[in-house]
């Protein structure tokens, strides 16, 4: 089912553009990390922590944009955020020490946070029914795979031909171009139409933090993101332990992404009498069943088996991720920017913890990775069972 109006199509285009540019600020320079390490004679841990610091700042900075966008609108803040992000990338390009590079990444994260908040808020502004929200976030989840798939390839090509400083310069140019494009986007939130006087930012955040169901779906969204992040970060080691060569290993990674895209696109279609909550619950049940069977039967040393499992897990994640967003943010009739900020902060905090947690778990074989994933799936199922005991809301059925 395609977007049914010019407003919906414009919202999806703007949201996906923000999301892709915001994610590219992370993915674009990943192939340059070894070269940055050599340039500054830094340790691997010090360079890897660039990503940890970026995620922490990205999560915290979202609070500055969320409630403010509810008061002045989405468009001015996303343009301002992109300009700040581009400035941070220019600082990175000129960095003469690892400390200066950290500073540049902090500035970039402060700007990119606007993209992650507004990308979700724009969808909630325009799509109001359960089916429409499911459709909008399905496209949102689909576009989230564009940057991880394409940005590292572009960054690697520039790295090979011009070096890591030019990688940051090129990303700054892309970011400025995105700012110019989005400066012409249609404003989706009009504060003057909100009933009642403007509230201080802390009031909106306090109300959201008291909403257990909203926080529950935000936590679930973070866990699903951790699941995907864990697969991308740890599966190469697990498949290597099974004896797969580099090309076979890469195929399993790509198949997971393909499964995720298929699942996300399926969410954009009609689903008959099934509500978002029922589909979401079925997806979580599939997580547990598939992983329990995989753990019980023990992974076979077969490329076909690995590819099939990667596709199935990716497809389940592609279905569950946009539905968790729709069920959580769909509860919010006001303070949608603030809600997007809280949801994003919880998600980024989960990603940061996952980076630390997966460093602590030694993936000696594929069975260990499957056990970790089964634990995440069971936690998701438990959260869902607790949420089902809460009062019903938009999207429930």
Protein backbone atom coordinates (compact mmCIF):
# COMPACT_ATOMS: atom_id res chain seq x y z
CA UNK A 1 0.00 0.00 0.00
CA UNK A 2 1.60 3.23 -1.14
CA UNK A 3 1.29 6.65 0.54
CA UNK A 4 -2.14 8.01 -0.38
CA UNK A 5 -1.52 11.76 -0.48
CA UNK A 6 1.07 14.36 -1.42
CA UNK A 7 1.50 15.20 2.27
CA UNK A 8 2.19 11.57 3.16
CA UNK A 9 4.62 11.11 0.28
CA UNK A 10 6.44 14.30 1.22
CA UNK A 11 6.62 13.25 4.88
CA UNK A 12 8.09 9.86 3.99
CA UNK A 13 10.65 11.43 1.65
CA UNK A 14 11.69 14.02 4.23
CA UNK A 15 11.81 11.47 7.08
CA UNK A 16 13.85 8.95 5.09
CA UNK A 17 16.24 11.68 3.88
CA UNK A 18 16.87 12.85 7.44
CA UNK A 19 17.40 9.29 8.64
CA UNK A 20 19.82 8.32 5.86
CA UNK A 21 21.92 11.49 6.25
CA UNK A 22 21.96 11.10 10.03
CA UNK A 23 23.08 7.46 9.82
CA UNK A 24 25.65 8.23 7.13
CA UNK A 25 27.41 10.51 9.62
CA UNK A 26 28.38 7.25 11.38
CA UNK A 27 28.67 4.74 8.54
CA UNK A 28 30.51 6.89 6.00
CA UNK A 29 33.81 7.01 7.84
CA UNK A 30 33.94 3.47 9.30
CA UNK A 31 36.35 2.14 6.61
CA UNK A 32 38.76 4.97 7.54
CA UNK A 33 39.16 3.91 11.18
CA UNK A 34 42.39 1.89 10.65
CA UNK A 35 43.91 4.81 8.74
CA UNK A 36 42.92 7.28 11.46
CA UNK A 37 44.51 4.96 14.02
CA UNK A 38 47.75 4.97 12.02
CA UNK A 39 47.70 8.75 11.47
CA UNK A 40 47.55 9.52 15.17
CA UNK A 41 49.48 6.43 16.35
CA UNK A 42 46.45 5.63 18.51
CA UNK A 43 45.28 2.37 20.05
CA UNK A 44 42.43 0.37 18.53
CA UNK A 45 40.33 0.90 21.66
CA UNK A 46 40.80 4.69 21.50
CA UNK A 47 39.61 4.78 17.90
CA UNK A 48 36.72 2.38 18.50
CA UNK A 49 35.55 4.60 21.37
CA UNK A 50 34.87 7.35 18.82
CA UNK A 51 31.68 5.43 18.04
CA UNK A 52 30.77 4.99 21.73
CA UNK A 53 31.20 8.70 22.47
CA UNK A 54 29.25 9.58 19.33
CA UNK A 55 26.29 7.39 20.35
CA UNK A 56 26.23 8.74 23.91
CA UNK A 57 26.22 12.36 22.74
CA UNK A 58 23.70 11.55 19.99
CA UNK A 59 21.32 10.10 22.58
CA UNK A 60 21.62 12.97 25.05
CA UNK A 61 21.44 15.73 22.43
CA UNK A 62 18.05 14.50 21.26
CA UNK A 63 16.45 15.94 24.38
CA UNK A 64 17.48 19.44 23.28
CA UNK A 65 15.64 19.08 19.96
CA UNK A 66 12.52 17.11 20.89
CA UNK A 67 10.49 19.49 23.05
CA UNK A 68 11.90 22.57 21.28
CA UNK A 69 10.59 21.26 17.94
CA UNK A 70 7.14 20.96 19.52
CA UNK A 71 7.32 24.72 20.18
CA UNK A 72 8.87 26.09 16.98
CA UNK A 73 8.36 23.35 14.37
CA UNK A 74 10.44 20.60 12.76
CA UNK A 75 11.96 22.28 9.69
CA UNK A 76 14.10 25.04 11.32
CA UNK A 77 15.63 22.59 13.77
CA UNK A 78 16.55 19.92 11.25
CA UNK A 79 18.23 22.54 9.05
CA UNK A 80 20.11 23.97 12.04
CA UNK A 81 21.12 20.46 13.12
CA UNK A 82 22.49 19.61 9.68
CA UNK A 83 24.55 22.83 9.63
CA UNK A 84 26.00 21.96 13.05
CA UNK A 85 26.72 18.42 11.85
CA UNK A 86 28.55 19.73 8.77
CA UNK A 87 30.62 22.04 10.99
CA UNK A 88 31.61 19.05 13.12
CA UNK A 89 32.74 17.14 10.03
CA UNK A 90 34.88 20.09 8.94
CA UNK A 91 36.48 20.06 12.40
CA UNK A 92 37.20 16.35 11.94
CA UNK A 93 38.78 16.96 8.54
CA UNK A 94 41.14 19.53 10.07
CA UNK A 95 41.90 17.58 13.28
CA UNK A 96 45.60 17.44 14.16
CA UNK A 97 45.15 15.12 17.15
CA UNK A 98 42.83 12.37 18.31
CA UNK A 99 41.43 14.75 20.94
CA UNK A 100 40.49 17.24 18.23
CA UNK A 101 38.85 14.41 16.28
CA UNK A 102 36.81 13.48 19.35
CA UNK A 103 35.69 17.12 19.61
CA UNK A 104 34.64 17.11 15.97
CA UNK A 105 32.65 13.93 16.45
CA UNK A 106 30.90 15.40 19.51
CA UNK A 107 29.87 18.46 17.48
CA UNK A 108 28.70 16.21 14.63
CA UNK A 109 26.61 14.13 17.02
CA UNK A 110 25.03 17.27 18.50
CA UNK A 111 23.87 18.23 15.01
CA UNK A 112 22.90 14.77 13.74
CA UNK A 113 20.63 14.29 16.75
CA UNK A 114 18.16 16.65 15.04
CA UNK A 115 17.86 14.21 12.12
CA UNK A 116 17.04 11.21 14.29
CA UNK A 117 14.42 13.10 16.31
CA UNK A 118 12.71 14.83 13.39
CA UNK A 119 12.72 11.75 11.15
CA UNK A 120 10.38 9.97 13.57
CA UNK A 121 8.41 13.07 14.60
CA UNK A 122 7.51 13.92 10.99
CA UNK A 123 5.90 10.51 10.52
CA UNK A 124 3.90 10.81 13.74
CA UNK A 125 2.80 14.33 12.69
CA UNK A 126 1.34 13.12 9.39
CA UNK A 127 0.24 9.50 9.94
CA UNK A 128 -2.47 9.22 12.58
CA UNK A 129 -4.23 5.87 12.26
CA UNK A 130 -2.71 2.54 13.29
CA UNK A 131 -2.50 1.32 9.68
CA UNK A 132 -0.94 4.59 8.49
CA UNK A 133 1.66 4.62 11.27
CA UNK A 134 2.57 1.02 10.50
CA UNK A 135 2.99 1.94 6.85
CA UNK A 136 5.03 5.05 7.57
CA UNK A 137 7.43 3.33 9.94
CA UNK A 138 7.73 0.42 7.52
CA UNK A 139 9.21 2.80 4.95
CA UNK A 140 11.29 4.36 7.74
CA UNK A 141 12.79 0.98 8.66
CA UNK A 142 13.44 0.17 5.00
CA UNK A 143 15.39 3.39 4.45
CA UNK A 144 17.45 2.74 7.58
CA UNK A 145 19.31 0.03 5.67
CA UNK A 146 20.46 2.32 2.86
CA UNK A 147 23.24 3.98 4.82
CA UNK A 148 24.81 0.80 6.29
CA UNK A 149 24.72 -0.76 2.82
CA UNK A 150 26.00 2.16 0.70
CA UNK A 151 27.81 4.71 2.89
CA UNK A 152 30.76 2.44 3.85
CA UNK A 153 31.31 1.59 0.17
CA UNK A 154 31.42 5.27 -0.80
CA UNK A 155 33.62 6.10 2.19
CA UNK A 156 36.01 3.26 1.35
CA UNK A 157 36.35 4.43 -2.27
CA UNK A 158 37.18 7.98 -1.17
CA UNK A 159 39.58 6.64 1.46
CA UNK A 160 41.47 4.65 -1.15
CA UNK A 161 41.78 7.59 -3.52
CA UNK A 162 42.07 10.64 -1.26
CA UNK A 163 42.40 9.73 2.45
CA UNK A 164 40.27 10.03 5.54
CA UNK A 165 40.29 13.83 5.75
CA UNK A 166 38.61 14.05 2.35
CA UNK A 167 36.05 11.48 3.55
CA UNK A 168 34.91 13.96 6.20
CA UNK A 169 34.98 16.85 3.72
CA UNK A 170 32.77 14.94 1.28
CA UNK A 171 30.31 14.04 4.02
CA UNK A 172 30.19 17.71 5.06
CA UNK A 173 29.25 18.64 1.48
CA UNK A 174 26.51 15.96 1.42
CA UNK A 175 25.17 17.26 4.74
CA UNK A 176 25.03 20.88 3.53
CA UNK A 177 23.22 19.72 0.39
CA UNK A 178 20.70 17.87 2.57
CA UNK A 179 20.20 21.03 4.66
CA UNK A 180 19.43 23.02 1.51
CA UNK A 181 17.01 20.35 0.28
CA UNK A 182 15.19 19.99 3.60
CA UNK A 183 14.93 23.75 4.03
CA UNK A 184 12.22 23.48 1.36
CA UNK A 185 10.33 20.66 3.06
CA UNK A 186 6.74 21.25 4.10
CA UNK A 187 6.40 21.95 7.82
CA UNK A 188 4.44 19.10 9.42
CA UNK A 189 3.99 20.59 12.90
CA UNK A 190 2.33 23.93 13.58
CA UNK A 191 2.70 24.91 17.26
CA UNK A 192 0.05 27.62 16.98
CA UNK A 193 -2.54 24.90 16.42
CA UNK A 194 -1.71 23.13 19.70
CA UNK A 195 -4.36 23.72 22.39
CA UNK A 196 -3.36 25.53 25.57
CA UNK A 197 -0.26 27.54 26.51
CA UNK A 198 3.26 26.30 25.74
CA UNK A 199 4.69 24.06 28.47
CA UNK A 200 8.26 23.94 29.76
CA UNK A 201 10.30 21.12 28.22
CA UNK A 202 10.60 19.22 31.48
CA UNK A 203 6.81 18.90 31.78
CA UNK A 204 6.56 16.98 28.49
CA UNK A 205 9.49 14.74 29.34
CA UNK A 206 8.19 14.05 32.85
CA UNK A 207 4.81 13.00 31.45
CA UNK A 208 6.42 10.66 28.93
CA UNK A 209 8.72 9.11 31.52
CA UNK A 210 5.66 8.28 33.63
CA UNK A 211 4.02 6.47 30.72
CA UNK A 212 5.09 2.88 31.32
CA UNK A 213 3.65 1.62 28.06
CA UNK A 214 5.48 4.24 26.01
CA UNK A 215 8.72 3.44 27.83
CA UNK A 216 8.10 -0.27 27.35
CA UNK A 217 7.80 0.04 23.58
CA UNK A 218 10.83 2.35 23.55
CA UNK A 219 12.83 -0.28 25.44
CA UNK A 220 11.59 -2.94 23.01
CA UNK A 221 12.69 -0.79 20.07
CA UNK A 222 16.13 -0.52 21.67
CA UNK A 223 16.34 -4.30 22.17
CA UNK A 224 15.44 -4.94 18.53
CA UNK A 225 18.13 -2.47 17.49
CA UNK A 226 20.59 -4.27 19.79
CA UNK A 227 19.63 -7.55 18.12
CA UNK A 228 20.47 -6.18 14.66
CA UNK A 229 23.55 -4.38 15.91
CA UNK A 230 24.75 -7.57 17.59
CA UNK A 231 24.30 -9.57 14.41
CA UNK A 232 26.28 -7.10 12.33
CA UNK A 233 29.03 -6.79 14.96
CA UNK A 234 29.40 -10.43 16.03
CA UNK A 235 28.17 -12.70 13.24
CA UNK A 236 31.44 -12.41 11.26
CA UNK A 237 33.34 -14.00 14.15
CA UNK A 238 30.72 -16.73 14.55
CA UNK A 239 30.68 -17.62 10.86
CA UNK A 240 34.47 -17.57 10.77
CA UNK A 241 34.47 -20.11 13.62
CA UNK A 242 32.24 -22.32 11.46
CA UNK A 243 34.98 -22.31 8.82
CA UNK A 244 33.35 -19.93 6.31
CA UNK A 245 35.66 -17.93 4.07
CA UNK A 246 35.43 -14.13 3.73
CA UNK A 247 33.01 -14.16 0.80
CA UNK A 248 30.70 -16.71 2.46
CA UNK A 249 30.83 -14.63 5.64
CA UNK A 250 29.89 -11.48 3.75
CA UNK A 251 26.99 -13.23 2.04
CA UNK A 252 25.43 -14.07 5.41
CA UNK A 253 25.70 -10.39 6.44
CA UNK A 254 24.04 -9.22 3.23
CA UNK A 255 21.30 -11.84 3.49
CA UNK A 256 20.38 -10.57 6.97
CA UNK A 257 20.03 -7.05 5.54
CA UNK A 258 17.92 -8.43 2.66
CA UNK A 259 15.65 -10.21 5.13
CA UNK A 260 15.27 -7.04 7.17
CA UNK A 261 14.27 -5.09 4.06
CA UNK A 262 11.69 -7.75 3.11
CA UNK A 263 10.20 -7.68 6.61
CA UNK A 264 10.04 -3.88 6.71
CA UNK A 265 8.39 -3.71 3.30
CA UNK A 266 5.85 -6.34 4.38
CA UNK A 267 4.80 -4.03 7.22
CA UNK A 268 3.84 -1.35 4.68
CA UNK A 269 1.23 -3.68 3.16
CA UNK A 270 -2.31 -4.34 4.33
CA UNK A 271 -2.60 -7.03 7.00
CA UNK A 272 -6.33 -7.80 7.07
CA UNK A 273 -7.87 -8.05 10.49
CA UNK A 274 -4.55 -8.32 12.28
CA UNK A 275 -3.69 -5.27 14.38
CA UNK A 276 -0.19 -3.88 14.83
CA UNK A 277 0.04 -5.38 18.32
CA UNK A 278 -0.95 -8.86 17.15
CA UNK A 279 1.55 -8.80 14.28
CA UNK A 280 4.23 -7.50 16.65
CA UNK A 281 3.48 -10.24 19.19
CA UNK A 282 3.62 -12.90 16.46
CA UNK A 283 7.02 -11.57 15.34
CA UNK A 284 8.40 -11.79 18.88
CA UNK A 285 7.05 -15.33 19.20
CA UNK A 286 8.80 -16.21 15.95
CA UNK A 287 12.06 -14.82 17.39
CA UNK A 288 11.84 -17.17 20.37
CA UNK A 289 10.73 -20.25 18.40
CA UNK A 290 13.33 -19.91 15.63
CA UNK A 291 16.19 -19.25 18.03
CA UNK A 292 15.12 -22.00 20.45
CA UNK A 293 15.10 -24.52 17.59
CA UNK A 294 18.48 -23.28 16.37
CA UNK A 295 20.02 -23.56 19.84
CA UNK A 296 18.47 -27.00 20.45
CA UNK A 297 19.50 -28.52 17.13
CA UNK A 298 22.98 -26.91 17.14
CA UNK A 299 24.16 -25.05 14.04
CA UNK A 300 25.31 -27.17 11.15
CA UNK A 301 28.48 -26.29 9.28
CA UNK A 302 26.44 -25.36 6.21
CA UNK A 303 26.38 -22.11 4.27
CA UNK A 304 22.78 -22.78 3.23
CA UNK A 305 21.72 -23.18 6.87
CA UNK A 306 23.53 -19.99 7.90
CA UNK A 307 22.04 -17.97 5.03
CA UNK A 308 18.52 -19.25 5.74
CA UNK A 309 18.79 -18.43 9.45
CA UNK A 310 20.23 -14.97 8.72
CA UNK A 311 17.36 -14.18 6.34
CA UNK A 312 14.67 -15.38 8.75
CA UNK A 313 16.10 -13.41 11.69
CA UNK A 314 16.49 -10.32 9.48
CA UNK A 315 12.88 -10.60 8.27
CA UNK A 316 11.57 -10.89 11.84
CA UNK A 317 13.60 -7.83 12.88
CA UNK A 318 12.28 -5.94 9.85
CA UNK A 319 8.71 -6.62 10.95
CA UNK A 320 9.19 -6.00 14.68
CA UNK A 321 11.25 -2.78 14.51
CA UNK A 322 8.74 -0.46 12.77
CA UNK A 323 5.82 -1.90 14.75
CA UNK A 324 7.55 -1.16 18.07
CA UNK A 325 8.01 2.44 16.89
CA UNK A 326 4.40 2.72 15.72
CA UNK A 327 2.96 1.26 18.94
CA UNK A 328 5.10 3.49 21.16
CA UNK A 329 4.95 6.82 19.33
CA UNK A 330 1.35 6.23 18.24
CA UNK A 331 0.28 6.78 21.85
CA UNK A 332 1.37 10.43 21.69
CA UNK A 333 -1.26 12.90 20.53
CA UNK A 334 0.82 15.88 21.72
CA UNK A 335 4.52 16.44 22.51
CA UNK A 336 5.45 14.24 19.55
CA UNK A 337 8.91 15.75 19.19
CA UNK A 338 9.62 15.14 22.87
CA UNK A 339 8.38 11.55 22.52
CA UNK A 340 10.67 10.99 19.54
CA UNK A 341 13.59 12.35 21.58
CA UNK A 342 12.92 10.01 24.51
CA UNK A 343 12.51 7.02 22.20
CA UNK A 344 15.73 7.87 20.38
CA UNK A 345 17.68 8.41 23.59
CA UNK A 346 16.58 5.02 24.95
CA UNK A 347 17.55 3.41 21.64
CA UNK A 348 21.00 5.03 21.53
CA UNK A 349 21.63 4.17 25.17
CA UNK A 350 20.78 0.56 24.33
CA UNK A 351 23.19 0.64 21.41
CA UNK A 352 25.98 2.01 23.60
CA UNK A 353 25.40 -0.68 26.23
CA UNK A 354 25.32 -3.31 23.49
CA UNK A 355 28.71 -2.19 22.20
CA UNK A 356 30.14 -2.71 25.67
CA UNK A 357 28.25 -5.95 26.31
CA UNK A 358 29.24 -7.62 23.04
CA UNK A 359 32.88 -6.72 23.75
CA UNK A 360 32.57 -8.71 27.00
CA UNK A 361 31.09 -11.81 25.34
CA UNK A 362 33.67 -13.88 23.52
CA UNK A 363 32.04 -15.40 20.43
CA UNK A 364 33.90 -18.71 20.28
CA UNK A 365 31.31 -20.36 18.05
CA UNK A 366 27.90 -19.77 16.54
CA UNK A 367 26.11 -21.52 19.39
CA UNK A 368 27.25 -18.81 21.83
CA UNK A 369 25.90 -16.05 19.58
CA UNK A 370 22.56 -17.85 19.21
CA UNK A 371 22.26 -18.14 23.00
CA UNK A 372 22.86 -14.39 23.38
CA UNK A 373 20.21 -13.69 20.75
CA UNK A 374 17.77 -16.06 22.43
CA UNK A 375 18.24 -14.12 25.66
CA UNK A 376 17.39 -10.86 23.86
CA UNK A 377 14.34 -12.48 22.23
CA UNK A 378 13.06 -13.76 25.58
CA UNK A 379 13.54 -10.29 27.10
CA UNK A 380 11.49 -8.81 24.23
CA UNK A 381 8.75 -11.40 24.77
CA UNK A 382 8.66 -10.65 28.51
CA UNK A 383 8.36 -6.89 27.90
CA UNK A 384 5.52 -7.55 25.45
CA UNK A 385 3.63 -9.73 27.92
CA UNK A 386 3.90 -6.98 30.54
CA UNK A 387 2.70 -4.38 28.02
CA UNK A 388 -0.32 -6.51 27.13
CA UNK A 389 -1.49 -6.16 30.73
CA UNK A 390 -1.52 -2.35 30.39
CA UNK A 391 -4.53 -0.28 29.22
CA UNK A 392 -5.12 -0.35 25.49
CA UNK A 393 -4.13 2.49 23.18
CA UNK A 394 -3.78 3.41 19.52
CA UNK A 395 -2.74 0.36 17.56
CA UNK A 396 -3.92 -2.18 20.10
CA UNK A 397 -6.37 -4.80 19.17
